Each structure stands twice: as C-alpha cells, then as structure tokens.
Amino acid sequence: TMGPYSLLLFFSAVLLLLLIYCLHPTHIHHWTLGLQMCWQTVWHLYIQYQLYWLQETPDSRLLLAISALMLMTQRVSSLSLDLQEGTITSSFQNSSQDLSVLIPFLSYSLNFPALLGG
C-alpha cells in the first residue's frame, strides 16, 4: 500500500549497506547520521513546500513513509554507532568480499513491524 514511497526506506537501507561496504568503522557513524538526516530533511522540506507553497495536503502514504523514515534513521544511526564503537563487528570488513555478510544489517534495518509499529 505504500507504493513508490517505500523507496524512501529502501534508499536508506541501501545507503547503510554502501557505507558499511566503503567506510572504515571508525568513520561510519558520522557519515551515516549526516546523510540520513539530510535525506530526511529533504523530505520534510518537500512536505512543507506542498503545505505552504502549493497549498495542497500531502498524501497520507507519504506522511506514513516519513514517519517510518524517522524510525529508520534511529535504527540506522544506532547500528552505525555500534559499528563505530566496536560493539558489533562487520564480518565484511574483516574477511572476504562476499556481500552475503551484509544481509543481517539489511534485515535489521528493514524490520518492517518495528518500523511501522514504533
């Protein structure tokens, strides 16, 4: 039912995987939190543009997606801080170039009952 707005969440999850893949764990939290907050801010500004400039009410599915995006920001930033502090480790950083080790990070960040239920 989310339709094209579900891409907002998928983009955040893919961004997290790319950052885990590309960055050293000591730098991952700053980049993840910064990019995630920028992505979220763009969508909040778009809602403000719709409300005040166009005088339209935003689609309720967009508002639900933004709500889930805010929860996703919390999950992604928590995960990136755990990676930076060494609480959890990415086996991708330590061993082979197999992308299947990123699946636990993807499943954690896209846990839809937690995203939609709070």
PDB file of N, CA and C in Angstrom:
ATOM      1  N   THR A   1       0.807  -1.196   0.000  1.00  0.00           N
ATOM      2  CA  THR A   1       0.000   0.000   0.000  1.00  0.00           C
ATOM      3  C   THR A   1       0.854   1.266   0.000  1.00  0.00           C
ATOM      4  N   MET A   2       2.127   1.121   0.316  1.00  0.00           N
ATOM      5  CA  MET A   2       2.997   2.301   0.341  1.00  0.00           C
ATOM      6  C   MET A   2       3.377   2.746  -1.062  1.00  0.00           C
ATOM      7  N   GLY A   3       3.363   1.817  -1.995  1.00  0.00           N
ATOM      8  CA  GLY A   3       3.672   2.160  -3.367  1.00  0.00           C
ATOM      9  C   GLY A   3       5.072   2.719  -3.538  1.00  0.00           C
ATOM     10  N   PRO A   4       5.186   3.799  -4.298  1.00  0.00           N
ATOM     11  CA  PRO A   4       6.523   4.348  -4.574  1.00  0.00           C
ATOM     12  C   PRO A   4       7.200   4.953  -3.349  1.00  0.00           C
ATOM     13  N   TYR A   5       6.440   5.226  -2.300  1.00  0.00           N
ATOM     14  CA  TYR A   5       7.037   5.819  -1.105  1.00  0.00           C
ATOM     15  C   TYR A   5       7.882   4.820  -0.315  1.00  0.00           C
ATOM     16  N   SER A   6       7.719   3.552  -0.595  1.00  0.00           N
ATOM     17  CA  SER A   6       8.560   2.559   0.082  1.00  0.00           C
ATOM     18  C   SER A   6      10.019   2.690  -0.348  1.00  0.00           C
ATOM     19  N   LEU A   7      10.248   3.339  -1.468  1.00  0.00           N
ATOM     20  CA  LEU A   7      11.625   3.553  -1.923  1.00  0.00           C
ATOM     21  C   LEU A   7      12.413   4.457  -0.982  1.00  0.00           C
ATOM     22  N   LEU A   8      11.726   5.294  -0.226  1.00  0.00           N
ATOM     23  CA  LEU A   8      12.411   6.127   0.766  1.00  0.00           C
ATOM     24  C   LEU A   8      13.151   5.254   1.772  1.00  0.00           C
ATOM     25  N   LEU A   9      12.483   4.189   2.222  1.00  0.00           N
ATOM     26  CA  LEU A   9      13.093   3.287   3.197  1.00  0.00           C
ATOM     27  C   LEU A   9      14.163   2.416   2.564  1.00  0.00           C
ATOM     28  N   PHE A  10      13.897   1.945   1.354  1.00  0.00           N
ATOM     29  CA  PHE A  10      14.895   1.114   0.682  1.00  0.00           C
ATOM     30  C   PHE A  10      16.164   1.898   0.392  1.00  0.00           C
ATOM     31  N   PHE A  11      16.016   3.176   0.042  1.00  0.00           N
ATOM     32  CA  PHE A  11      17.189   4.004  -0.206  1.00  0.00           C
ATOM     33  C   PHE A  11      18.041   4.119   1.052  1.00  0.00           C
ATOM     34  N   SER A  12      17.400   4.311   2.198  1.00  0.00           N
ATOM     35  CA  SER A  12      18.145   4.416   3.454  1.00  0.00           C
ATOM     36  C   SER A  12      18.873   3.126   3.785  1.00  0.00           C
ATOM     37  N   ALA A  13      18.224   1.997   3.547  1.00  0.00           N
ATOM     38  CA  ALA A  13      18.858   0.707   3.834  1.00  0.00           C
ATOM     39  C   ALA A  13      20.028   0.448   2.896  1.00  0.00           C
ATOM     40  N   VAL A  14      19.865   0.771   1.628  1.00  0.00           N
ATOM     41  CA  VAL A  14      20.954   0.572   0.660  1.00  0.00           C
ATOM     42  C   VAL A  14      22.107   1.520   0.965  1.00  0.00           C
ATOM     43  N   LEU A  15      21.789   2.733   1.378  1.00  0.00           N
ATOM     44  CA  LEU A  15      22.826   3.688   1.763  1.00  0.00           C
ATOM     45  C   LEU A  15      23.643   3.155   2.934  1.00  0.00           C
ATOM     46  N   LEU A  16      22.966   2.570   3.912  1.00  0.00           N
ATOM     47  CA  LEU A  16      23.675   1.977   5.044  1.00  0.00           C
ATOM     48  C   LEU A  16      24.613   0.869   4.577  1.00  0.00           C
ATOM     49  N   LEU A  17      24.132   0.000   3.702  1.00  0.00           N
ATOM     50  CA  LEU A  17      24.977  -1.092   3.216  1.00  0.00           C
ATOM     51  C   LEU A  17      26.184  -0.576   2.443  1.00  0.00           C
ATOM     52  N   LEU A  18      25.974   0.457   1.639  1.00  0.00           N
ATOM     53  CA  LEU A  18      27.094   1.033   0.898  1.00  0.00           C
ATOM     54  C   LEU A  18      28.126   1.655   1.829  1.00  0.00           C
ATOM     55  N   LEU A  19      27.659   2.305   2.867  1.00  0.00           N
ATOM     56  CA  LEU A  19      28.595   2.909   3.812  1.00  0.00           C
ATOM     57  C   LEU A  19      29.348   1.846   4.607  1.00  0.00           C
ATOM     58  N   ILE A  20      28.674   0.766   4.987  1.00  0.00           N
ATOM     59  CA  ILE A  20      29.368  -0.331   5.662  1.00  0.00           C
ATOM     60  C   ILE A  20      30.411  -0.933   4.736  1.00  0.00           C
ATOM     61  N   TYR A  21      30.058  -1.040   3.466  1.00  0.00           N
ATOM     62  CA  TYR A  21      30.953  -1.619   2.470  1.00  0.00           C
ATOM     63  C   TYR A  21      32.166  -0.729   2.212  1.00  0.00           C
ATOM     64  N   CYS A  22      31.968   0.589   2.186  1.00  0.00           N
ATOM     65  CA  CYS A  22      33.019   1.503   1.733  1.00  0.00           C
ATOM     66  C   CYS A  22      33.857   2.133   2.849  1.00  0.00           C
ATOM     67  N   LEU A  23      33.285   2.327   4.017  1.00  0.00           N
ATOM     68  CA  LEU A  23      33.977   3.102   5.038  1.00  0.00           C
ATOM     69  C   LEU A  23      34.565   2.228   6.138  1.00  0.00           C
ATOM     70  N   HIS A  24      35.591   2.751   6.747  1.00  0.00           N
ATOM     71  CA  HIS A  24      36.168   2.116   7.921  1.00  0.00           C
ATOM     72  C   HIS A  24      35.205   2.341   9.094  1.00  0.00           C
ATOM     73  N   PRO A  25      35.079   1.374   9.994  1.00  0.00           N
ATOM     74  CA  PRO A  25      34.107   1.523  11.092  1.00  0.00           C
ATOM     75  C   PRO A  25      34.298   2.753  11.965  1.00  0.00           C
ATOM     76  N   THR A  26      35.494   3.310  12.033  1.00  0.00           N
ATOM     77  CA  THR A  26      35.688   4.496  12.870  1.00  0.00           C
ATOM     78  C   THR A  26      35.046   5.749  12.277  1.00  0.00           C
ATOM     79  N   HIS A  27      34.731   5.740  11.000  1.00  0.00           N
ATOM     80  CA  HIS A  27      34.141   6.908  10.338  1.00  0.00           C
ATOM     81  C   HIS A  27      32.689   6.706   9.939  1.00  0.00           C
ATOM     82  N   ILE A  28      32.146   5.533  10.184  1.00  0.00           N
ATOM     83  CA  ILE A  28      30.837   5.210   9.612  1.00  0.00           C
ATOM     84  C   ILE A  28      29.687   5.985  10.255  1.00  0.00           C
ATOM     85  N   HIS A  29      29.763   6.257  11.545  1.00  0.00           N
ATOM     86  CA  HIS A  29      28.622   6.895  12.208  1.00  0.00           C
ATOM     87  C   HIS A  29      28.412   8.332  11.741  1.00  0.00           C
ATOM     88  N   HIS A  30      29.482   9.079  11.578  1.00  0.00           N
ATOM     89  CA  HIS A  30      29.347  10.474  11.142  1.00  0.00           C
ATOM     90  C   HIS A  30      28.705  10.554   9.761  1.00  0.00           C
ATOM     91  N   TRP A  31      29.168   9.715   8.858  1.00  0.00           N
ATOM     92  CA  TRP A  31      28.620   9.721   7.503  1.00  0.00           C
ATOM     93  C   TRP A  31      27.184   9.222   7.478  1.00  0.00           C
ATOM     94  N   THR A  32      26.921   8.161   8.203  1.00  0.00           N
ATOM     95  CA  THR A  32      25.577   7.592   8.199  1.00  0.00           C
ATOM     96  C   THR A  32      24.566   8.566   8.776  1.00  0.00           C
ATOM     97  N   LEU A  33      24.877   9.123   9.931  1.00  0.00           N
ATOM     98  CA  LEU A  33      23.942  10.053  10.552  1.00  0.00           C
ATOM     99  C   LEU A  33      23.770  11.310   9.700  1.00  0.00           C
ATOM    100  N   GLY A  34      24.859  11.827   9.157  1.00  0.00           N
ATOM    101  CA  GLY A  34      24.765  13.026   8.328  1.00  0.00           C
ATOM    102  C   GLY A  34      23.942  12.825   7.076  1.00  0.00           C
ATOM    103  N   LEU A  35      24.200  11.751   6.360  1.00  0.00           N
ATOM    104  CA  LEU A  35      23.454  11.502   5.122  1.00  0.00           C
ATOM    105  C   LEU A  35      22.006  11.142   5.400  1.00  0.00           C
ATOM    106  N   GLN A  36      21.781  10.389   6.456  1.00  0.00           N
ATOM    107  CA  GLN A  36      20.414  10.016   6.806  1.00  0.00           C
ATOM    108  C   GLN A  36      19.603  11.248   7.203  1.00  0.00           C
ATOM    109  N   MET A  37      20.198  12.146   7.966  1.00  0.00           N
ATOM    110  CA  MET A  37      19.488  13.361   8.369  1.00  0.00           C
ATOM    111  C   MET A  37      19.245  14.284   7.173  1.00  0.00           C
ATOM    112  N   CYS A  38      20.186  14.341   6.241  1.00  0.00           N
ATOM    113  CA  CYS A  38      19.974  15.137   5.025  1.00  0.00           C
ATOM    114  C   CYS A  38      18.825  14.578   4.200  1.00  0.00           C
ATOM    115  N   TRP A  39      18.776  13.267   4.053  1.00  0.00           N
ATOM    116  CA  TRP A  39      17.706  12.601   3.295  1.00  0.00           C
ATOM    117  C   TRP A  39      16.350  12.869   3.953  1.00  0.00           C
ATOM    118  N   GLN A  40      16.314  12.784   5.264  1.00  0.00           N
ATOM    119  CA  GLN A  40      15.076  13.033   5.992  1.00  0.00           C
ATOM    120  C   GLN A  40      14.673  14.497   5.891  1.00  0.00           C
ATOM    121  N   THR A  41      15.625  15.413   5.956  1.00  0.00           N
ATOM    122  CA  THR A  41      15.339  16.838   5.867  1.00  0.00           C
ATOM    123  C   THR A  41      14.780  17.214   4.504  1.00  0.00           C
ATOM    124  N   VAL A  42      15.303  16.609   3.449  1.00  0.00           N
ATOM    125  CA  VAL A  42      14.794  16.882   2.104  1.00  0.00           C
ATOM    126  C   VAL A  42      13.306  16.548   2.022  1.00  0.00           C
ATOM    127  N   TRP A  43      12.918  15.424   2.581  1.00  0.00           N
ATOM    128  CA  TRP A  43      11.514  15.030   2.521  1.00  0.00           C
ATOM    129  C   TRP A  43      10.636  15.895   3.418  1.00  0.00           C
ATOM    130  N   HIS A  44      11.171  16.332   4.555  1.00  0.00           N
ATOM    131  CA  HIS A  44      10.397  17.249   5.388  1.00  0.00           C
ATOM    132  C   HIS A  44      10.219  18.600   4.693  1.00  0.00           C
ATOM    133  N   LEU A  45      11.237  19.067   4.017  1.00  0.00           N
ATOM    134  CA  LEU A  45      11.105  20.316   3.258  1.00  0.00           C
ATOM    135  C   LEU A  45      10.110  20.173   2.115  1.00  0.00           C
ATOM    136  N   TYR A  46      10.072  19.001   1.498  1.00  0.00           N
ATOM    137  CA  TYR A  46       9.099  18.757   0.429  1.00  0.00           C
ATOM    138  C   TYR A  46       7.673  18.823   0.969  1.00  0.00           C
ATOM    139  N   ILE A  47       7.461  18.284   2.154  1.00  0.00           N
ATOM    140  CA  ILE A  47       6.131  18.362   2.769  1.00  0.00           C
ATOM    141  C   ILE A  47       5.773  19.816   3.075  1.00  0.00           C
ATOM    142  N   GLN A  48       6.735  20.573   3.592  1.00  0.00           N
ATOM    143  CA  GLN A  48       6.483  21.993   3.855  1.00  0.00           C
ATOM    144  C   GLN A  48       6.180  22.739   2.562  1.00  0.00           C
ATOM    145  N   TYR A  49       6.877  22.398   1.498  1.00  0.00           N
ATOM    146  CA  TYR A  49       6.624  23.007   0.189  1.00  0.00           C
ATOM    147  C   TYR A  49       5.203  22.713  -0.267  1.00  0.00           C
ATOM    148  N   GLN A  50       4.776  21.474  -0.111  1.00  0.00           N
ATOM    149  CA  GLN A  50       3.415  21.118  -0.507  1.00  0.00           C
ATOM    150  C   GLN A  50       2.374  21.855   0.334  1.00  0.00           C
ATOM    151  N   LEU A  51       2.612  21.951   1.622  1.00  0.00           N
ATOM    152  CA  LEU A  51       1.627  22.570   2.510  1.00  0.00           C
ATOM    153  C   LEU A  51       1.527  24.073   2.319  1.00  0.00           C
ATOM    154  N   TYR A  52       2.655  24.755   2.267  1.00  0.00           N
ATOM    155  CA  TYR A  52       2.633  26.208   2.329  1.00  0.00           C
ATOM    156  C   TYR A  52       2.784  26.899   0.979  1.00  0.00           C
ATOM    157  N   TRP A  53       3.472  26.290   0.050  1.00  0.00           N
ATOM    158  CA  TRP A  53       3.650  26.928  -1.249  1.00  0.00           C
ATOM    159  C   TRP A  53       2.556  26.512  -2.224  1.00  0.00           C
ATOM    160  N   LEU A  54       2.321  25.211  -2.315  1.00  0.00           N
ATOM    161  CA  LEU A  54       1.309  24.716  -3.237  1.00  0.00           C
ATOM    162  C   LEU A  54      -0.093  24.696  -2.635  1.00  0.00           C
ATOM    163  N   GLN A  55      -0.183  24.860  -1.321  1.00  0.00           N
ATOM    164  CA  GLN A  55      -1.468  24.815  -0.615  1.00  0.00           C
ATOM    165  C   GLN A  55      -2.202  23.493  -0.848  1.00  0.00           C
ATOM    166  N   GLU A  56      -1.442  22.399  -0.840  1.00  0.00           N
ATOM    167  CA  GLU A  56      -2.009  21.066  -1.000  1.00  0.00           C
ATOM    168  C   GLU A  56      -1.769  20.276   0.275  1.00  0.00           C
ATOM    169  N   THR A  57      -2.605  19.316   0.506  1.00  0.00           N
ATOM    170  CA  THR A  57      -2.340  18.410   1.624  1.00  0.00           C
ATOM    171  C   THR A  57      -1.503  17.249   1.096  1.00  0.00           C
ATOM    172  N   PRO A  58      -0.454  16.889   1.803  1.00  0.00           N
ATOM    173  CA  PRO A  58       0.381  15.782   1.351  1.00  0.00           C
ATOM    174  C   PRO A  58      -0.376  14.458   1.406  1.00  0.00           C
ATOM    175  N   ASP A  59       0.048  13.547   0.589  1.00  0.00           N
ATOM    176  CA  ASP A  59      -0.529  12.209   0.558  1.00  0.00           C
ATOM    177  C   ASP A  59      -0.302  11.535   1.913  1.00  0.00           C
ATOM    178  N   SER A  60      -1.303  10.862   2.413  1.00  0.00           N
ATOM    179  CA  SER A  60      -1.170  10.203   3.719  1.00  0.00           C
ATOM    180  C   SER A  60      -0.128   9.087   3.673  1.00  0.00           C
ATOM    181  N   ARG A  61       0.056   8.485   2.510  1.00  0.00           N
ATOM    182  CA  ARG A  61       1.097   7.457   2.387  1.00  0.00           C
ATOM    183  C   ARG A  61       2.488   8.077   2.524  1.00  0.00           C
ATOM    184  N   LEU A  62       2.660   9.298   2.021  1.00  0.00           N
ATOM    185  CA  LEU A  62       3.935   9.993   2.182  1.00  0.00           C
ATOM    186  C   LEU A  62       4.199  10.298   3.652  1.00  0.00           C
ATOM    187  N   LEU A  63       3.182  10.729   4.362  1.00  0.00           N
ATOM    188  CA  LEU A  63       3.348  11.018   5.786  1.00  0.00           C
ATOM    189  C   LEU A  63       3.690   9.758   6.575  1.00  0.00           C
ATOM    190  N   LEU A  64       3.078   8.647   6.202  1.00  0.00           N
ATOM    191  CA  LEU A  64       3.406   7.375   6.854  1.00  0.00           C
ATOM    192  C   LEU A  64       4.834   6.954   6.526  1.00  0.00           C
ATOM    193  N   ALA A  65       5.241   7.172   5.289  1.00  0.00           N
ATOM    194  CA  ALA A  65       6.618   6.835   4.899  1.00  0.00           C
ATOM    195  C   ALA A  65       7.627   7.709   5.630  1.00  0.00           C
ATOM    196  N   ILE A  66       7.318   8.974   5.832  1.00  0.00           N
ATOM    197  CA  ILE A  66       8.219   9.864   6.566  1.00  0.00           C
ATOM    198  C   ILE A  66       8.305   9.438   8.027  1.00  0.00           C
ATOM    199  N   SER A  67       7.190   9.015   8.586  1.00  0.00           N
ATOM    200  CA  SER A  67       7.201   8.510   9.954  1.00  0.00           C
ATOM    201  C   SER A  67       8.088   7.273  10.067  1.00  0.00           C
ATOM    202  N   ALA A  68       7.960   6.366   9.116  1.00  0.00           N
ATOM    203  CA  ALA A  68       8.813   5.176   9.104  1.00  0.00           C
ATOM    204  C   ALA A  68      10.270   5.553   8.843  1.00  0.00           C
ATOM    205  N   LEU A  69      10.494   6.597   8.039  1.00  0.00           N
ATOM    206  CA  LEU A  69      11.855   7.055   7.770  1.00  0.00           C
ATOM    207  C   LEU A  69      12.514   7.600   9.031  1.00  0.00           C
ATOM    208  N   MET A  70      11.748   8.268   9.871  1.00  0.00           N
ATOM    209  CA  MET A  70      12.317   8.760  11.124  1.00  0.00           C
ATOM    210  C   MET A  70      12.718   7.606  12.035  1.00  0.00           C
ATOM    211  N   LEU A  71      11.898   6.559  12.072  1.00  0.00           N
ATOM    212  CA  LEU A  71      12.267   5.371  12.845  1.00  0.00           C
ATOM    213  C   LEU A  71      13.474   4.671  12.231  1.00  0.00           C
ATOM    214  N   MET A  72      13.531   4.662  10.901  1.00  0.00           N
ATOM    215  CA  MET A  72      14.667   4.062  10.207  1.00  0.00           C
ATOM    216  C   MET A  72      15.945   4.826  10.526  1.00  0.00           C
ATOM    217  N   THR A  73      15.863   6.149  10.623  1.00  0.00           N
ATOM    218  CA  THR A  73      17.024   6.964  10.975  1.00  0.00           C
ATOM    219  C   THR A  73      17.554   6.566  12.344  1.00  0.00           C
ATOM    220  N   GLN A  74      16.661   6.331  13.278  1.00  0.00           N
ATOM    221  CA  GLN A  74      17.082   5.912  14.610  1.00  0.00           C
ATOM    222  C   GLN A  74      17.758   4.557  14.562  1.00  0.00           C
ATOM    223  N   ARG A  75      17.205   3.619  13.817  1.00  0.00           N
ATOM    224  CA  ARG A  75      17.772   2.268  13.737  1.00  0.00           C
ATOM    225  C   ARG A  75      19.131   2.288  13.048  1.00  0.00           C
ATOM    226  N   VAL A  76      19.223   3.037  11.957  1.00  0.00           N
ATOM    227  CA  VAL A  76      20.468   3.086  11.189  1.00  0.00           C
ATOM    228  C   VAL A  76      21.565   3.788  11.985  1.00  0.00           C
ATOM    229  N   SER A  77      21.217   4.874  12.666  1.00  0.00           N
ATOM    230  CA  SER A  77      22.242   5.575  13.434  1.00  0.00           C
ATOM    231  C   SER A  77      22.681   4.744  14.638  1.00  0.00           C
ATOM    232  N   SER A  78      21.773   4.010  15.249  1.00  0.00           N
ATOM    233  CA  SER A  78      22.142   3.130  16.349  1.00  0.00           C
ATOM    234  C   SER A  78      23.080   2.027  15.875  1.00  0.00           C
ATOM    235  N   LEU A  79      22.764   1.451  14.731  1.00  0.00           N
ATOM    236  CA  LEU A  79      23.612   0.397  14.172  1.00  0.00           C
ATOM    237  C   LEU A  79      24.988   0.934  13.789  1.00  0.00           C
ATOM    238  N   SER A  80      25.036   2.115  13.198  1.00  0.00           N
ATOM    239  CA  SER A  80      26.326   2.670  12.798  1.00  0.00           C
ATOM    240  C   SER A  80      27.176   3.051  14.010  1.00  0.00           C
ATOM    241  N   LEU A  81      26.530   3.521  15.078  1.00  0.00           N
ATOM    242  CA  LEU A  81      27.286   3.831  16.289  1.00  0.00           C
ATOM    243  C   LEU A  81      27.828   2.557  16.934  1.00  0.00           C
ATOM    244  N   ASP A  82      27.048   1.490  16.902  1.00  0.00           N
ATOM    245  CA  ASP A  82      27.545   0.204  17.410  1.00  0.00           C
ATOM    246  C   ASP A  82      28.734  -0.290  16.592  1.00  0.00           C
ATOM    247  N   LEU A  83      28.677  -0.089  15.291  1.00  0.00           N
ATOM    248  CA  LEU A  83      29.818  -0.468  14.447  1.00  0.00           C
ATOM    249  C   LEU A  83      31.041   0.385  14.768  1.00  0.00           C
ATOM    250  N   GLN A  84      30.847   1.665  14.970  1.00  0.00           N
ATOM    251  CA  GLN A  84      31.967   2.561  15.256  1.00  0.00           C
ATOM    252  C   GLN A  84      32.593   2.250  16.606  1.00  0.00           C
ATOM    253  N   GLU A  85      31.761   1.976  17.604  1.00  0.00           N
ATOM    254  CA  GLU A  85      32.291   1.690  18.934  1.00  0.00           C
ATOM    255  C   GLU A  85      32.834   0.275  19.071  1.00  0.00           C
ATOM    256  N   GLY A  86      32.577  -0.570  18.092  1.00  0.00           N
ATOM    257  CA  GLY A  86      33.077  -1.935  18.147  1.00  0.00           C
ATOM    258  C   GLY A  86      32.192  -2.884  18.924  1.00  0.00           C
ATOM    259  N   THR A  87      30.994  -2.434  19.297  1.00  0.00           N
ATOM    260  CA  THR A  87      30.056  -3.308  19.997  1.00  0.00           C
ATOM    261  C   THR A  87      29.673  -4.491  19.127  1.00  0.00           C
ATOM    262  N   ILE A  88      29.462  -4.221  17.858  1.00  0.00           N
ATOM    263  CA  ILE A  88      29.270  -5.280  16.868  1.00  0.00           C
ATOM    264  C   ILE A  88      30.308  -5.074  15.781  1.00  0.00           C
ATOM    265  N   THR A  89      30.625  -6.128  15.087  1.00  0.00           N
ATOM    266  CA  THR A  89      31.606  -6.031  14.005  1.00  0.00           C
ATOM    267  C   THR A  89      30.976  -6.500  12.712  1.00  0.00           C
ATOM    268  N   SER A  90      31.421  -5.924  11.668  1.00  0.00           N
ATOM    269  CA  SER A  90      31.009  -6.342  10.337  1.00  0.00           C
ATOM    270  C   SER A  90      32.011  -7.368   9.844  1.00  0.00           C
ATOM    271  N   SER A  91      31.545  -8.575   9.643  1.00  0.00           N
ATOM    272  CA  SER A  91      32.458  -9.602   9.150  1.00  0.00           C
ATOM    273  C   SER A  91      32.911  -9.279   7.733  1.00  0.00           C
ATOM    274  N   PHE A  92      32.199  -8.402   7.063  1.00  0.00           N
ATOM    275  CA  PHE A  92      32.623  -7.978   5.728  1.00  0.00           C
ATOM    276  C   PHE A  92      33.925  -7.201   5.801  1.00  0.00           C
ATOM    277  N   GLN A  93      34.069  -6.372   6.821  1.00  0.00           N
ATOM    278  CA  GLN A  93      35.281  -5.576   6.972  1.00  0.00           C
ATOM    279  C   GLN A  93      36.481  -6.451   7.307  1.00  0.00           C
ATOM    280  N   ASN A  94      36.225  -7.597   7.944  1.00  0.00           N
ATOM    281  CA  ASN A  94      37.315  -8.410   8.443  1.00  0.00           C
ATOM    282  C   ASN A  94      37.736  -9.535   7.515  1.00  0.00           C
ATOM    283  N   SER A  95      36.878  -9.947   6.601  1.00  0.00           N
ATOM    284  CA  SER A  95      37.215 -11.146   5.831  1.00  0.00           C
ATOM    285  C   SER A  95      37.004 -10.948   4.348  1.00  0.00           C
ATOM    286  N   SER A  96      36.264 -11.834   3.759  1.00  0.00           N
ATOM    287  CA  SER A  96      36.148 -11.922   2.307  1.00  0.00           C
ATOM    288  C   SER A  96      35.342 -10.775   1.722  1.00  0.00           C
ATOM    289  N   GLN A  97      35.249 -10.773   0.423  1.00  0.00           N
ATOM    290  CA  GLN A  97      34.487  -9.758  -0.302  1.00  0.00           C
ATOM    291  C   GLN A  97      33.078 -10.254  -0.631  1.00  0.00           C
ATOM    292  N   ASP A  98      32.579 -11.232   0.121  1.00  0.00           N
ATOM    293  CA  ASP A  98      31.259 -11.799  -0.096  1.00  0.00           C
ATOM    294  C   ASP A  98      30.199 -10.855   0.459  1.00  0.00           C
ATOM    295  N   LEU A  99      29.283 -10.451  -0.399  1.00  0.00           N
ATOM    296  CA  LEU A  99      28.261  -9.484   0.009  1.00  0.00           C
ATOM    297  C   LEU A  99      27.171 -10.103   0.876  1.00  0.00           C
ATOM    298  N   SER A 100      27.136 -11.417   0.994  1.00  0.00           N
ATOM    299  CA  SER A 100      26.084 -12.048   1.782  1.00  0.00           C
ATOM    300  C   SER A 100      26.209 -11.748   3.272  1.00  0.00           C
ATOM    301  N   VAL A 101      27.366 -11.306   3.725  1.00  0.00           N
ATOM    302  CA  VAL A 101      27.518 -10.976   5.143  1.00  0.00           C
ATOM    303  C   VAL A 101      26.801  -9.669   5.495  1.00  0.00           C
ATOM    304  N   LEU A 102      26.345  -8.920   4.497  1.00  0.00           N
ATOM    305  CA  LEU A 102      25.615  -7.684   4.752  1.00  0.00           C
ATOM    306  C   LEU A 102      24.122  -7.932   4.990  1.00  0.00           C
ATOM    307  N   ILE A 103      23.662  -9.150   4.768  1.00  0.00           N
ATOM    308  CA  ILE A 103      22.242  -9.461   4.915  1.00  0.00           C
ATOM    309  C   ILE A 103      21.731  -9.214   6.331  1.00  0.00           C
ATOM    310  N   PRO A 104      22.469  -9.566   7.399  1.00  0.00           N
ATOM    311  CA  PRO A 104      21.946  -9.241   8.740  1.00  0.00           C
ATOM    312  C   PRO A 104      21.726  -7.745   8.967  1.00  0.00           C
ATOM    313  N   PHE A 105      22.593  -6.911   8.414  1.00  0.00           N
ATOM    314  CA  PHE A 105      22.414  -5.458   8.554  1.00  0.00           C
ATOM    315  C   PHE A 105      21.172  -4.992   7.796  1.00  0.00           C
ATOM    316  N   LEU A 106      20.945  -5.571   6.626  1.00  0.00           N
ATOM    317  CA  LEU A 106      19.771  -5.216   5.840  1.00  0.00           C
ATOM    318  C   LEU A 106      18.496  -5.675   6.543  1.00  0.00           C
ATOM    319  N   SER A 107      18.507  -6.882   7.075  1.00  0.00           N
ATOM    320  CA  SER A 107      17.301  -7.379   7.740  1.00  0.00           C
ATOM    321  C   SER A 107      17.014  -6.597   9.012  1.00  0.00           C
ATOM    322  N   TYR A 108      18.045  -6.165   9.715  1.00  0.00           N
ATOM    323  CA  TYR A 108      17.820  -5.357  10.920  1.00  0.00           C
ATOM    324  C   TYR A 108      17.235  -3.997  10.562  1.00  0.00           C
ATOM    325  N   SER A 109      17.777  -3.367   9.541  1.00  0.00           N
ATOM    326  CA  SER A 109      17.308  -2.022   9.214  1.00  0.00           C
ATOM    327  C   SER A 109      15.938  -2.026   8.547  1.00  0.00           C
ATOM    328  N   LEU A 110      15.560  -3.122   7.900  1.00  0.00           N
ATOM    329  CA  LEU A 110      14.259  -3.185   7.234  1.00  0.00           C
ATOM    330  C   LEU A 110      13.246  -4.031   7.993  1.00  0.00           C
ATOM    331  N   ASN A 111      13.376  -4.132   9.289  1.00  0.00           N
ATOM    332  CA  ASN A 111      12.404  -4.866  10.100  1.00  0.00           C
ATOM    333  C   ASN A 111      11.107  -4.068  10.122  1.00  0.00           C
ATOM    334  N   PHE A 112      10.213  -4.371   9.183  1.00  0.00           N
ATOM    335  CA  PHE A 112       9.029  -3.551   8.973  1.00  0.00           C
ATOM    336  C   PHE A 112       8.076  -3.482  10.166  1.00  0.00           C
ATOM    337  N   PRO A 113       7.849  -4.557  10.927  1.00  0.00           N
ATOM    338  CA  PRO A 113       6.954  -4.370  12.083  1.00  0.00           C
ATOM    339  C   PRO A 113       7.506  -3.337  13.071  1.00  0.00           C
ATOM    340  N   ALA A 114       8.809  -3.304  13.242  1.00  0.00           N
ATOM    341  CA  ALA A 114       9.378  -2.304  14.139  1.00  0.00           C
ATOM    342  C   ALA A 114       9.315  -0.908  13.524  1.00  0.00           C
ATOM    343  N   LEU A 115       9.466  -0.818  12.215  1.00  0.00           N
ATOM    344  CA  LEU A 115       9.411   0.491  11.560  1.00  0.00           C
ATOM    345  C   LEU A 115       7.998   1.060  11.567  1.00  0.00           C
ATOM    346  N   LEU A 116       7.035   0.221  11.290  1.00  0.00           N
ATOM    347  CA  LEU A 116       5.678   0.729  11.172  1.00  0.00           C
ATOM    348  C   LEU A 116       4.950   0.766  12.513  1.00  0.00           C
ATOM    349  N   GLY A 117       5.428  -0.018  13.473  1.00  0.00           N
ATOM    350  CA  GLY A 117       4.758  -0.054  14.755  1.00  0.00           C
ATOM    351  C   GLY A 117       5.413   0.796  15.821  1.00  0.00           C
ATOM    352  N   GLY A 118       6.624   1.254  15.556  1.00  0.00           N
ATOM    353  CA  GLY A 118       7.284   2.091  16.536  1.00  0.00           C
ATOM    354  C   GLY A 118       8.088   1.294  17.446  1.00  0.00           C
TER     355      GLY A 118
END
